[in-house]
Structure formats: C-alpha cells, structure tokens
Amino acid sequence: MGIIPLGHPMLHIANRWLRWLLIALLFALLLDNQDWTVGKRSILPLFLIAFLAWFLLETMINWAKISTFSRSDYPLFPRYLINHNGDEWPVEQKAIEIKEWLSKNGFKKVQSLKFGNESSLVLRTTFYEDKTSTYRIQIHFLPPNQTGRTMFFVVTTLAEDDTRFTTDNISMPFAIYVPENWDLYRKPLVISLPKLLSIHKERVKGKGKALIPWGIEPQDDLDRQRRDLEQVNIDHGFLYPSNYHDEYGRLTPEGRYRMWKEMWLLSYLGCPLSQRPNKT
C-alpha cells in the first residue's frame, strides 16, 4: 500500500476528524475538572456533549457561509469568456506533469476560458480532447487555498441517445440537481487525472452505448449547461427564480439544506450528496 501524498484529501478528512475528537476531549476534561461537577462521573457523557456542541458550532458556521453565498453576487454557474492571455496553466510541478501527460497521450487543447477579473476571484478552465474528439477533459484551475488542491478534473463523453457521461473529482459542495440525460459520477478523493479518466472509460464501456464526437465548442457547451442547470434546479426547488433573489437570496430552504449536508459529507467522509444520475 502506497504512502498517501501530502495534500491528499484523505489527510484533510483525517485532520478534521482528529480536530473534532481532540476539541471534544479537551472540553470534556475541562468540564470534568470544574468545581460545580457533582460527584464522580464518567467522562463519556461530557465528551458526547462536547462532541455535539462542536457539531452545532460548525453547523452554524457552515450555515452562515451558505446564507452569505446565497445572497452574494458570485454566480453558482459562472459565465466564462475566452481567455486570450495564455495564463491558464499555473507555474507548478503538478501542472507541468499533467500538461506533459496530456500531450504524451494524444490530447490536444481545444479552448481556454476565464471567469472574473483581477479585482475579484479569477477562475480559469482549459479543455482538451483526445484524437477521436469523444473524450473531453476540462481542467479547473483554482487560486491557492488551504486544501492545497489547485486543479479539478472533469471528463465528459456524449452518446448517440443524448446521454451525457461525466466523471469528475470536484470536492466543492454544489449539491445541485442535474438534467435527466446526465450520467454523473463524482470521485472527489481521486486526485490523479489518469485514474479518473480510466474510471470514466470503464463506466462508459459498461453502458455499451454508441459514442459521438464533440460538435460544440466548450464555451457554447458551458453556456448551454448553465441554462439547463439553472432551469432544472429551479424546477426541483433548489433555486428561487430570479425575481425572488433580492428578497430571499438564490437558494431555497431545501437548497441550503442540501448544500449544508454535502459540506458535511465532503468534509468528513469525502463523498458527495449523491453519485446517482440526476443528483450531485
């Protein structure tokens, strides 16, 4: 069994559990040593109380984050523009290795896109396709963050019957609904692009459907995705229609609950809310 590399999401999950348990134990010991405690008692009940107290505290923090995001101007589905600056690839060893692997395995760059400007958070994404144009890889580049992950991968393939096969390793808590023709599978603990691509190909092969080459540019496809996702999530009660945003924010109570639930699942179990088609 190999050593888990530094920055792997499993290390962050283990760190969160360790932090939770140590904080609960520390508070339990402090409470057990107070003068107002009556008689000699087991430390276990105090530990459980402190354990639940941390859960409630972190829940309030996460709920505040979700509420802030719901009322912010930052879009859930960004509208990307063509990136003409040629600055999509960060200057770091991991990015260089991924770029070399893509070239070595016959993937060609299709398009680079960008969202935001220098005065705000800038998101960059680049698309590659294989020689047959049936496997499209989208690479999301993120600014430096505490998780150490600066790249997410999305592999997508289209079938003749309009099925959209997508496999990604995105660990952000979207919790959104997706259209019925999407066959979505999320693997946030897989940080290797070759492994993610292999998982995707096995999934597609197992379905036995005829594939078709991409006939739409990435930017146009993202715009179509954005429109479809917005409508699907309004229909499913995840998002409010735009005329309600000023009063209630963008996320409905169900949408906030789903996002809160997925934040916990990703943070402490490393899995999304659902890996079934129609949900993320």
C-alpha atoms as a PDB file:
ATOM      1  CA  MET A   1       0.000   0.000   0.000  1.00  0.00           C
ATOM      2  CA  GLY A   2       1.478   3.338  -1.075  1.00  0.00           C
ATOM      3  CA  ILE A   3       2.035   6.356   1.112  1.00  0.00           C
ATOM      4  CA  ILE A   4      -0.697   8.977   0.899  1.00  0.00           C
ATOM      5  CA  PRO A   5       0.882  12.062  -0.722  1.00  0.00           C
ATOM      6  CA  LEU A   6       0.946  15.376   1.103  1.00  0.00           C
ATOM      7  CA  GLY A   7      -2.153  17.392   0.263  1.00  0.00           C
ATOM      8  CA  HIS A   8      -4.317  14.336  -0.451  1.00  0.00           C
ATOM      9  CA  PRO A   9      -7.951  14.942   0.593  1.00  0.00           C
ATOM     10  CA  MET A  10      -7.823  11.886   2.872  1.00  0.00           C
ATOM     11  CA  LEU A  11      -5.286  13.714   5.045  1.00  0.00           C
ATOM     12  CA  HIS A  12      -7.616  16.697   5.338  1.00  0.00           C
ATOM     13  CA  ILE A  13     -10.510  14.411   6.280  1.00  0.00           C
ATOM     14  CA  ALA A  14      -8.392  12.694   8.931  1.00  0.00           C
ATOM     15  CA  ASN A  15      -7.286  16.102  10.226  1.00  0.00           C
ATOM     16  CA  ARG A  16     -10.908  17.270  10.567  1.00  0.00           C
ATOM     17  CA  TRP A  17     -11.898  14.143  12.495  1.00  0.00           C
ATOM     18  CA  LEU A  18      -8.835  14.428  14.729  1.00  0.00           C
ATOM     19  CA  ARG A  19      -9.562  18.102  15.400  1.00  0.00           C
ATOM     20  CA  TRP A  20     -13.184  17.320  16.267  1.00  0.00           C
ATOM     21  CA  LEU A  21     -12.263  14.478  18.639  1.00  0.00           C
ATOM     22  CA  LEU A  22      -9.444  16.390  20.344  1.00  0.00           C
ATOM     23  CA  ILE A  23     -11.567  19.510  20.875  1.00  0.00           C
ATOM     24  CA  ALA A  24     -14.387  17.397  22.335  1.00  0.00           C
ATOM     25  CA  LEU A  25     -11.952  15.567  24.600  1.00  0.00           C
ATOM     26  CA  LEU A  26     -10.315  18.807  25.766  1.00  0.00           C
ATOM     27  CA  PHE A  27     -13.630  20.415  26.662  1.00  0.00           C
ATOM     28  CA  ALA A  28     -14.784  17.234  28.367  1.00  0.00           C
ATOM     29  CA  LEU A  29     -11.670  17.235  30.543  1.00  0.00           C
ATOM     30  CA  LEU A  30     -12.135  20.923  31.377  1.00  0.00           C
ATOM     31  CA  LEU A  31     -15.757  20.375  32.332  1.00  0.00           C
ATOM     32  CA  ASP A  32     -14.868  17.322  34.381  1.00  0.00           C
ATOM     33  CA  ASN A  33     -12.407  19.357  36.461  1.00  0.00           C
ATOM     34  CA  GLN A  34     -14.811  22.165  37.309  1.00  0.00           C
ATOM     35  CA  ASP A  35     -15.877  22.657  40.939  1.00  0.00           C
ATOM     36  CA  TRP A  36     -19.583  22.595  40.066  1.00  0.00           C
ATOM     37  CA  THR A  37     -19.484  18.986  38.890  1.00  0.00           C
ATOM     38  CA  VAL A  38     -21.322  16.822  41.395  1.00  0.00           C
ATOM     39  CA  GLY A  39     -19.856  13.516  42.437  1.00  0.00           C
ATOM     40  CA  LYS A  40     -17.611  11.259  40.398  1.00  0.00           C
ATOM     41  CA  ARG A  41     -18.951  10.579  36.950  1.00  0.00           C
ATOM     42  CA  SER A  42     -17.795   9.053  33.695  1.00  0.00           C
ATOM     43  CA  ILE A  43     -16.149  11.427  31.274  1.00  0.00           C
ATOM     44  CA  LEU A  44     -18.034   9.813  28.371  1.00  0.00           C
ATOM     45  CA  PRO A  45     -21.272  11.864  28.764  1.00  0.00           C
ATOM     46  CA  LEU A  46     -19.224  15.079  28.928  1.00  0.00           C
ATOM     47  CA  PHE A  47     -17.299  14.009  25.828  1.00  0.00           C
ATOM     48  CA  LEU A  48     -20.545  13.359  23.937  1.00  0.00           C
ATOM     49  CA  ILE A  49     -21.922  16.742  24.981  1.00  0.00           C
ATOM     50  CA  ALA A  50     -18.757  18.496  23.802  1.00  0.00           C
ATOM     51  CA  PHE A  51     -18.797  16.413  20.592  1.00  0.00           C
ATOM     52  CA  LEU A  52     -22.353  17.534  19.788  1.00  0.00           C
ATOM     53  CA  ALA A  53     -21.556  21.122  20.790  1.00  0.00           C
ATOM     54  CA  TRP A  54     -18.796  21.257  18.152  1.00  0.00           C
ATOM     55  CA  PHE A  55     -21.221  19.823  15.596  1.00  0.00           C
ATOM     56  CA  LEU A  56     -23.694  22.609  16.376  1.00  0.00           C
ATOM     57  CA  LEU A  57     -20.982  25.280  16.271  1.00  0.00           C
ATOM     58  CA  GLU A  58     -19.648  24.131  12.906  1.00  0.00           C
ATOM     59  CA  THR A  59     -23.200  23.806  11.611  1.00  0.00           C
ATOM     60  CA  MET A  60     -23.863  27.466  12.458  1.00  0.00           C
ATOM     61  CA  ILE A  61     -20.618  28.490  10.748  1.00  0.00           C
ATOM     62  CA  ASN A  62     -21.438  26.485   7.610  1.00  0.00           C
ATOM     63  CA  TRP A  63     -24.997  27.763   7.554  1.00  0.00           C
ATOM     64  CA  ALA A  64     -23.710  31.339   7.749  1.00  0.00           C
ATOM     65  CA  LYS A  65     -21.377  30.647   4.801  1.00  0.00           C
ATOM     66  CA  ILE A  66     -24.239  29.208   2.761  1.00  0.00           C
ATOM     67  CA  SER A  67     -26.504  32.166   3.576  1.00  0.00           C
ATOM     68  CA  THR A  68     -23.769  34.606   2.610  1.00  0.00           C
ATOM     69  CA  PHE A  69     -23.173  32.776  -0.674  1.00  0.00           C
ATOM     70  CA  SER A  70     -26.911  32.647  -1.396  1.00  0.00           C
ATOM     71  CA  ARG A  71     -27.153  36.442  -1.196  1.00  0.00           C
ATOM     72  CA  SER A  72     -23.827  37.201  -2.851  1.00  0.00           C
ATOM     73  CA  ASP A  73     -23.295  38.254  -6.446  1.00  0.00           C
ATOM     74  CA  TYR A  74     -20.991  35.303  -7.111  1.00  0.00           C
ATOM     75  CA  PRO A  75     -22.772  33.014  -9.610  1.00  0.00           C
ATOM     76  CA  LEU A  76     -23.434  29.361  -8.930  1.00  0.00           C
ATOM     77  CA  PHE A  77     -22.920  28.712 -12.640  1.00  0.00           C
ATOM     78  CA  PRO A  78     -20.305  31.214 -13.911  1.00  0.00           C
ATOM     79  CA  ARG A  79     -20.441  32.633 -17.413  1.00  0.00           C
ATOM     80  CA  TYR A  80     -16.968  32.004 -18.859  1.00  0.00           C
ATOM     81  CA  LEU A  81     -15.294  34.074 -21.558  1.00  0.00           C
ATOM     82  CA  ILE A  82     -12.432  33.211 -23.891  1.00  0.00           C
ATOM     83  CA  ASN A  83      -9.068  33.551 -22.147  1.00  0.00           C
ATOM     84  CA  HIS A  84      -6.689  35.224 -24.596  1.00  0.00           C
ATOM     85  CA  ASN A  85      -3.943  35.838 -22.021  1.00  0.00           C
ATOM     86  CA  GLY A  86      -2.387  32.383 -22.178  1.00  0.00           C
ATOM     87  CA  ASP A  87      -2.068  32.285 -18.381  1.00  0.00           C
ATOM     88  CA  GLU A  88      -4.313  29.305 -17.673  1.00  0.00           C
ATOM     89  CA  TRP A  89      -1.545  26.929 -16.539  1.00  0.00           C
ATOM     90  CA  PRO A  90      -0.009  27.748 -13.139  1.00  0.00           C
ATOM     91  CA  VAL A  91       3.752  27.518 -12.793  1.00  0.00           C
ATOM     92  CA  GLU A  92       3.981  24.488 -10.541  1.00  0.00           C
ATOM     93  CA  GLN A  93       5.321  20.953 -10.882  1.00  0.00           C
ATOM     94  CA  LYS A  94       1.943  19.179 -10.720  1.00  0.00           C
ATOM     95  CA  ALA A  95       0.531  21.310 -13.519  1.00  0.00           C
ATOM     96  CA  ILE A  96       3.608  20.719 -15.671  1.00  0.00           C
ATOM     97  CA  GLU A  97       3.273  16.951 -15.186  1.00  0.00           C
ATOM     98  CA  ILE A  98      -0.414  16.997 -16.132  1.00  0.00           C
ATOM     99  CA  LYS A  99       0.289  19.069 -19.227  1.00  0.00           C
ATOM    100  CA  GLU A 100       3.041  16.685 -20.317  1.00  0.00           C
ATOM    101  CA  TRP A 101       0.792  13.661 -19.700  1.00  0.00           C
ATOM    102  CA  LEU A 102      -1.960  15.149 -21.867  1.00  0.00           C
ATOM    103  CA  SER A 103       0.463  15.775 -24.714  1.00  0.00           C
ATOM    104  CA  LYS A 104       2.026  12.325 -24.410  1.00  0.00           C
ATOM    105  CA  ASN A 105      -1.386  10.619 -24.561  1.00  0.00           C
ATOM    106  CA  GLY A 106      -2.614  12.462 -27.627  1.00  0.00           C
ATOM    107  CA  PHE A 107      -4.871  15.070 -26.044  1.00  0.00           C
ATOM    108  CA  LYS A 108      -4.993  18.412 -27.815  1.00  0.00           C
ATOM    109  CA  LYS A 109      -6.008  21.755 -26.361  1.00  0.00           C
ATOM    110  CA  VAL A 110      -9.411  22.922 -27.592  1.00  0.00           C
ATOM    111  CA  GLN A 111     -10.138  26.113 -25.699  1.00  0.00           C
ATOM    112  CA  SER A 112      -9.202  28.147 -22.602  1.00  0.00           C
ATOM    113  CA  LEU A 113     -11.811  30.112 -20.676  1.00  0.00           C
ATOM    114  CA  LYS A 114     -11.809  32.537 -17.794  1.00  0.00           C
ATOM    115  CA  PHE A 115     -14.249  33.987 -15.286  1.00  0.00           C
ATOM    116  CA  GLY A 116     -13.684  37.099 -13.163  1.00  0.00           C
ATOM    117  CA  ASN A 117     -11.132  39.872 -13.315  1.00  0.00           C
ATOM    118  CA  GLU A 118      -8.034  40.950 -11.478  1.00  0.00           C
ATOM    119  CA  SER A 119     -10.078  42.787  -8.813  1.00  0.00           C
ATOM    120  CA  SER A 120     -12.067  39.646  -7.932  1.00  0.00           C
ATOM    121  CA  LEU A 121     -11.668  35.888  -7.729  1.00  0.00           C
ATOM    122  CA  VAL A 122     -10.423  34.603 -11.085  1.00  0.00           C
ATOM    123  CA  LEU A 123     -11.295  31.092 -12.243  1.00  0.00           C
ATOM    124  CA  ARG A 124      -9.562  29.568 -15.230  1.00  0.00           C
ATOM    125  CA  THR A 125     -10.501  26.424 -17.105  1.00  0.00           C
ATOM    126  CA  THR A 126      -8.970  24.672 -20.100  1.00  0.00           C
ATOM    127  CA  PHE A 127     -10.373  21.934 -22.338  1.00  0.00           C
ATOM    128  CA  TYR A 128      -8.572  19.072 -24.045  1.00  0.00           C
ATOM    129  CA  GLU A 129      -9.854  16.341 -26.368  1.00  0.00           C
ATOM    130  CA  ASP A 130      -8.434  13.006 -27.484  1.00  0.00           C
ATOM    131  CA  LYS A 131      -7.705  12.177 -31.132  1.00  0.00           C
ATOM    132  CA  THR A 132     -11.267  10.959 -31.762  1.00  0.00           C
ATOM    133  CA  SER A 133     -12.858  14.017 -30.055  1.00  0.00           C
ATOM    134  CA  THR A 134     -15.056  11.708 -27.962  1.00  0.00           C
ATOM    135  CA  TYR A 135     -13.350  12.263 -24.595  1.00  0.00           C
ATOM    136  CA  ARG A 136     -13.231  15.861 -23.440  1.00  0.00           C
ATOM    137  CA  ILE A 137     -11.225  16.772 -20.350  1.00  0.00           C
ATOM    138  CA  GLN A 138     -11.916  20.005 -18.528  1.00  0.00           C
ATOM    139  CA  ILE A 139      -9.303  21.244 -16.068  1.00  0.00           C
ATOM    140  CA  HIS A 140     -10.382  23.776 -13.454  1.00  0.00           C
ATOM    141  CA  PHE A 141      -7.551  25.900 -12.060  1.00  0.00           C
ATOM    142  CA  LEU A 142      -8.156  27.327  -8.594  1.00  0.00           C
ATOM    143  CA  PRO A 143      -6.267  30.007  -6.661  1.00  0.00           C
ATOM    144  CA  PRO A 144      -4.002  28.731  -3.849  1.00  0.00           C
ATOM    145  CA  ASN A 145      -6.103  27.556  -0.903  1.00  0.00           C
ATOM    146  CA  GLN A 146      -5.795  25.723   2.406  1.00  0.00           C
ATOM    147  CA  THR A 147      -6.571  22.315   0.876  1.00  0.00           C
ATOM    148  CA  GLY A 148      -3.535  22.503  -1.394  1.00  0.00           C
ATOM    149  CA  ARG A 149      -5.604  21.439  -4.420  1.00  0.00           C
ATOM    150  CA  THR A 150      -5.321  23.862  -7.317  1.00  0.00           C
ATOM    151  CA  MET A 151      -6.796  21.643 -10.046  1.00  0.00           C
ATOM    152  CA  PHE A 152     -10.046  19.756 -10.523  1.00  0.00           C
ATOM    153  CA  PHE A 153     -10.754  17.469 -13.488  1.00  0.00           C
ATOM    154  CA  VAL A 154     -13.967  16.768 -15.378  1.00  0.00           C
ATOM    155  CA  VAL A 155     -14.160  14.069 -18.074  1.00  0.00           C
ATOM    156  CA  THR A 156     -17.217  14.140 -20.338  1.00  0.00           C
ATOM    157  CA  THR A 157     -18.440  11.963 -23.212  1.00  0.00           C
ATOM    158  CA  LEU A 158     -21.592  12.166 -25.317  1.00  0.00           C
ATOM    159  CA  ALA A 159     -23.653   9.195 -26.552  1.00  0.00           C
ATOM    160  CA  GLU A 160     -25.917   8.932 -29.584  1.00  0.00           C
ATOM    161  CA  ASP A 161     -29.040   8.748 -27.395  1.00  0.00           C
ATOM    162  CA  ASP A 162     -28.158  12.177 -25.870  1.00  0.00           C
ATOM    163  CA  THR A 163     -26.756  10.693 -22.654  1.00  0.00           C
ATOM    164  CA  ARG A 164     -24.033  12.845 -21.164  1.00  0.00           C
ATOM    165  CA  PHE A 165     -21.441  10.829 -19.234  1.00  0.00           C
ATOM    166  CA  THR A 166     -19.499  12.953 -16.763  1.00  0.00           C
ATOM    167  CA  THR A 167     -16.916  11.890 -14.189  1.00  0.00           C
ATOM    168  CA  ASP A 168     -15.228  14.486 -12.005  1.00  0.00           C
ATOM    169  CA  ASN A 169     -13.187  14.851  -8.829  1.00  0.00           C
ATOM    170  CA  ILE A 170     -14.625  18.201  -7.745  1.00  0.00           C
ATOM    171  CA  SER A 171     -14.805  18.468  -3.955  1.00  0.00           C
ATOM    172  CA  MET A 172     -16.804  21.711  -3.782  1.00  0.00           C
ATOM    173  CA  PRO A 173     -20.273  21.386  -2.185  1.00  0.00           C
ATOM    174  CA  PHE A 174     -22.656  22.143  -5.045  1.00  0.00           C
ATOM    175  CA  ALA A 175     -25.412  19.626  -4.146  1.00  0.00           C
ATOM    176  CA  ILE A 176     -27.277  20.667  -7.293  1.00  0.00           C
ATOM    177  CA  TYR A 177     -29.665  18.643  -9.427  1.00  0.00           C
ATOM    178  CA  VAL A 178     -28.673  17.791 -12.984  1.00  0.00           C
ATOM    179  CA  PRO A 179     -30.743  17.076 -16.121  1.00  0.00           C
ATOM    180  CA  GLU A 180     -32.176  13.589 -16.600  1.00  0.00           C
ATOM    181  CA  ASN A 181     -29.887  12.766 -19.517  1.00  0.00           C
ATOM    182  CA  TRP A 182     -26.756  13.315 -17.371  1.00  0.00           C
ATOM    183  CA  ASP A 183     -24.987  10.249 -16.021  1.00  0.00           C
ATOM    184  CA  LEU A 184     -22.860  11.947 -13.377  1.00  0.00           C
ATOM    185  CA  TYR A 185     -20.300  10.279 -11.132  1.00  0.00           C
ATOM    186  CA  ARG A 186     -18.209  12.245  -8.637  1.00  0.00           C
ATOM    187  CA  LYS A 187     -14.944  10.943  -7.172  1.00  0.00           C
ATOM    188  CA  PRO A 188     -13.550  13.785  -5.013  1.00  0.00           C
ATOM    189  CA  LEU A 189     -10.899  11.525  -3.431  1.00  0.00           C
ATOM    190  CA  VAL A 190      -9.306  10.703  -6.800  1.00  0.00           C
ATOM    191  CA  ILE A 191      -6.613  13.295  -7.461  1.00  0.00           C
ATOM    192  CA  SER A 192      -4.982  11.519 -10.420  1.00  0.00           C
ATOM    193  CA  LEU A 193      -6.213  12.514 -13.875  1.00  0.00           C
ATOM    194  CA  PRO A 194      -5.125   9.207 -15.492  1.00  0.00           C
ATOM    195  CA  LYS A 195      -7.039   7.259 -12.835  1.00  0.00           C
ATOM    196  CA  LEU A 196     -10.127   9.450 -13.196  1.00  0.00           C
ATOM    197  CA  LEU A 197     -10.040   9.011 -16.975  1.00  0.00           C
ATOM    198  CA  SER A 198      -9.730   5.239 -16.523  1.00  0.00           C
ATOM    199  CA  ILE A 199     -12.761   5.210 -14.208  1.00  0.00           C
ATOM    200  CA  HIS A 200     -14.713   7.247 -16.736  1.00  0.00           C
ATOM    201  CA  LYS A 201     -13.840   4.959 -19.640  1.00  0.00           C
ATOM    202  CA  GLU A 202     -14.849   1.875 -17.647  1.00  0.00           C
ATOM    203  CA  ARG A 203     -18.191   3.496 -16.848  1.00  0.00           C
ATOM    204  CA  VAL A 204     -18.852   4.414 -20.458  1.00  0.00           C
ATOM    205  CA  LYS A 205     -17.773   0.988 -21.691  1.00  0.00           C
ATOM    206  CA  GLY A 206     -20.063  -0.695 -19.165  1.00  0.00           C
ATOM    207  CA  LYS A 207     -23.098   1.185 -20.509  1.00  0.00           C
ATOM    208  CA  GLY A 208     -22.475  -0.145 -24.013  1.00  0.00           C
ATOM    209  CA  LYS A 209     -23.764   2.967 -25.764  1.00  0.00           C
ATOM    210  CA  ALA A 210     -22.525   4.333 -29.083  1.00  0.00           C
ATOM    211  CA  LEU A 211     -20.459   7.481 -28.621  1.00  0.00           C
ATOM    212  CA  ILE A 212     -20.368  10.567 -30.804  1.00  0.00           C
ATOM    213  CA  PRO A 213     -17.607  13.167 -31.253  1.00  0.00           C
ATOM    214  CA  TRP A 214     -17.975  16.628 -29.820  1.00  0.00           C
ATOM    215  CA  GLY A 215     -19.547  19.052 -32.258  1.00  0.00           C
ATOM    216  CA  ILE A 216     -19.847  22.087 -29.997  1.00  0.00           C
ATOM    217  CA  GLU A 217     -17.199  24.437 -28.645  1.00  0.00           C
ATOM    218  CA  PRO A 218     -16.563  24.272 -24.858  1.00  0.00           C
ATOM    219  CA  GLN A 219     -17.747  27.851 -24.263  1.00  0.00           C
ATOM    220  CA  ASP A 220     -21.036  27.214 -26.072  1.00  0.00           C
ATOM    221  CA  ASP A 221     -21.459  23.923 -24.222  1.00  0.00           C
ATOM    222  CA  LEU A 222     -20.899  25.626 -20.846  1.00  0.00           C
ATOM    223  CA  ASP A 223     -23.478  28.286 -21.719  1.00  0.00           C
ATOM    224  CA  ARG A 224     -25.982  25.571 -22.583  1.00  0.00           C
ATOM    225  CA  GLN A 225     -25.144  23.707 -19.372  1.00  0.00           C
ATOM    226  CA  ARG A 226     -25.641  26.887 -17.362  1.00  0.00           C
ATOM    227  CA  ARG A 227     -29.109  27.483 -18.806  1.00  0.00           C
ATOM    228  CA  ASP A 228     -30.148  23.836 -18.343  1.00  0.00           C
ATOM    229  CA  LEU A 229     -28.812  23.614 -14.793  1.00  0.00           C
ATOM    230  CA  GLU A 230     -30.476  26.845 -13.727  1.00  0.00           C
ATOM    231  CA  GLN A 231     -33.854  25.682 -15.046  1.00  0.00           C
ATOM    232  CA  VAL A 232     -33.552  22.161 -13.601  1.00  0.00           C
ATOM    233  CA  ASN A 233     -32.649  23.483 -10.165  1.00  0.00           C
ATOM    234  CA  ILE A 234     -35.490  25.988 -10.200  1.00  0.00           C
ATOM    235  CA  ASP A 235     -37.894  23.187 -11.190  1.00  0.00           C
ATOM    236  CA  HIS A 236     -36.603  20.948  -8.371  1.00  0.00           C
ATOM    237  CA  GLY A 237     -36.860  23.691  -5.759  1.00  0.00           C
ATOM    238  CA  PHE A 238     -33.130  24.118  -5.237  1.00  0.00           C
ATOM    239  CA  LEU A 239     -33.036  27.690  -6.584  1.00  0.00           C
ATOM    240  CA  TYR A 240     -35.504  30.554  -6.465  1.00  0.00           C
ATOM    241  CA  PRO A 241     -36.475  32.225  -9.747  1.00  0.00           C
ATOM    242  CA  SER A 242     -34.501  35.426 -10.376  1.00  0.00           C
ATOM    243  CA  ASN A 243     -37.369  37.719  -9.313  1.00  0.00           C
ATOM    244  CA  TYR A 244     -37.140  36.308  -5.751  1.00  0.00           C
ATOM    245  CA  HIS A 245     -33.368  36.746  -5.339  1.00  0.00           C
ATOM    246  CA  ASP A 246     -33.465  40.227  -3.783  1.00  0.00           C
ATOM    247  CA  GLU A 247     -35.874  39.123  -1.067  1.00  0.00           C
ATOM    248  CA  TYR A 248     -34.851  35.522  -0.343  1.00  0.00           C
ATOM    249  CA  GLY A 249     -31.452  35.034  -1.967  1.00  0.00           C
ATOM    250  CA  ARG A 250     -30.812  32.413  -4.640  1.00  0.00           C
ATOM    251  CA  LEU A 251     -31.023  29.198  -2.607  1.00  0.00           C
ATOM    252  CA  THR A 252     -34.327  27.875  -1.316  1.00  0.00           C
ATOM    253  CA  PRO A 253     -34.504  26.293   2.173  1.00  0.00           C
ATOM    254  CA  GLU A 254     -34.147  22.880   0.506  1.00  0.00           C
ATOM    255  CA  GLY A 255     -31.179  24.147  -1.499  1.00  0.00           C
ATOM    256  CA  ARG A 256     -29.454  25.440   1.634  1.00  0.00           C
ATOM    257  CA  TYR A 257     -30.101  22.178   3.448  1.00  0.00           C
ATOM    258  CA  ARG A 258     -28.711  20.118   0.569  1.00  0.00           C
ATOM    259  CA  MET A 259     -25.602  22.279   0.375  1.00  0.00           C
ATOM    260  CA  TRP A 260     -25.109  22.090   4.160  1.00  0.00           C
ATOM    261  CA  LYS A 261     -25.481  18.312   4.069  1.00  0.00           C
ATOM    262  CA  GLU A 262     -22.974  17.950   1.246  1.00  0.00           C
ATOM    263  CA  MET A 263     -20.494  20.193   3.072  1.00  0.00           C
ATOM    264  CA  TRP A 264     -20.521  17.685   5.939  1.00  0.00           C
ATOM    265  CA  LEU A 265     -20.316  14.633   3.681  1.00  0.00           C
ATOM    266  CA  LEU A 266     -17.366  16.023   1.740  1.00  0.00           C
ATOM    267  CA  SER A 267     -15.542  17.335   4.809  1.00  0.00           C
ATOM    268  CA  TYR A 268     -15.824  14.209   6.959  1.00  0.00           C
ATOM    269  CA  LEU A 269     -16.496  11.304   4.577  1.00  0.00           C
ATOM    270  CA  GLY A 270     -15.086  12.524   1.274  1.00  0.00           C
ATOM    271  CA  CYS A 271     -18.236  11.723  -0.694  1.00  0.00           C
ATOM    272  CA  PRO A 272     -20.829  13.951  -2.380  1.00  0.00           C
ATOM    273  CA  LEU A 273     -24.510  14.009  -1.511  1.00  0.00           C
ATOM    274  CA  SER A 274     -25.247  11.532  -4.254  1.00  0.00           C
ATOM    275  CA  GLN A 275     -23.364   9.803  -7.035  1.00  0.00           C
ATOM    276  CA  ARG A 276     -26.515   8.748  -8.834  1.00  0.00           C
ATOM    277  CA  PRO A 277     -27.653  10.310 -12.103  1.00  0.00           C
ATOM    278  CA  ASN A 278     -29.806  13.457 -11.645  1.00  0.00           C
ATOM    279  CA  LYS A 279     -28.066  14.491  -8.441  1.00  0.00           C
ATOM    280  CA  THR A 280     -24.583  15.576  -7.421  1.00  0.00           C
END
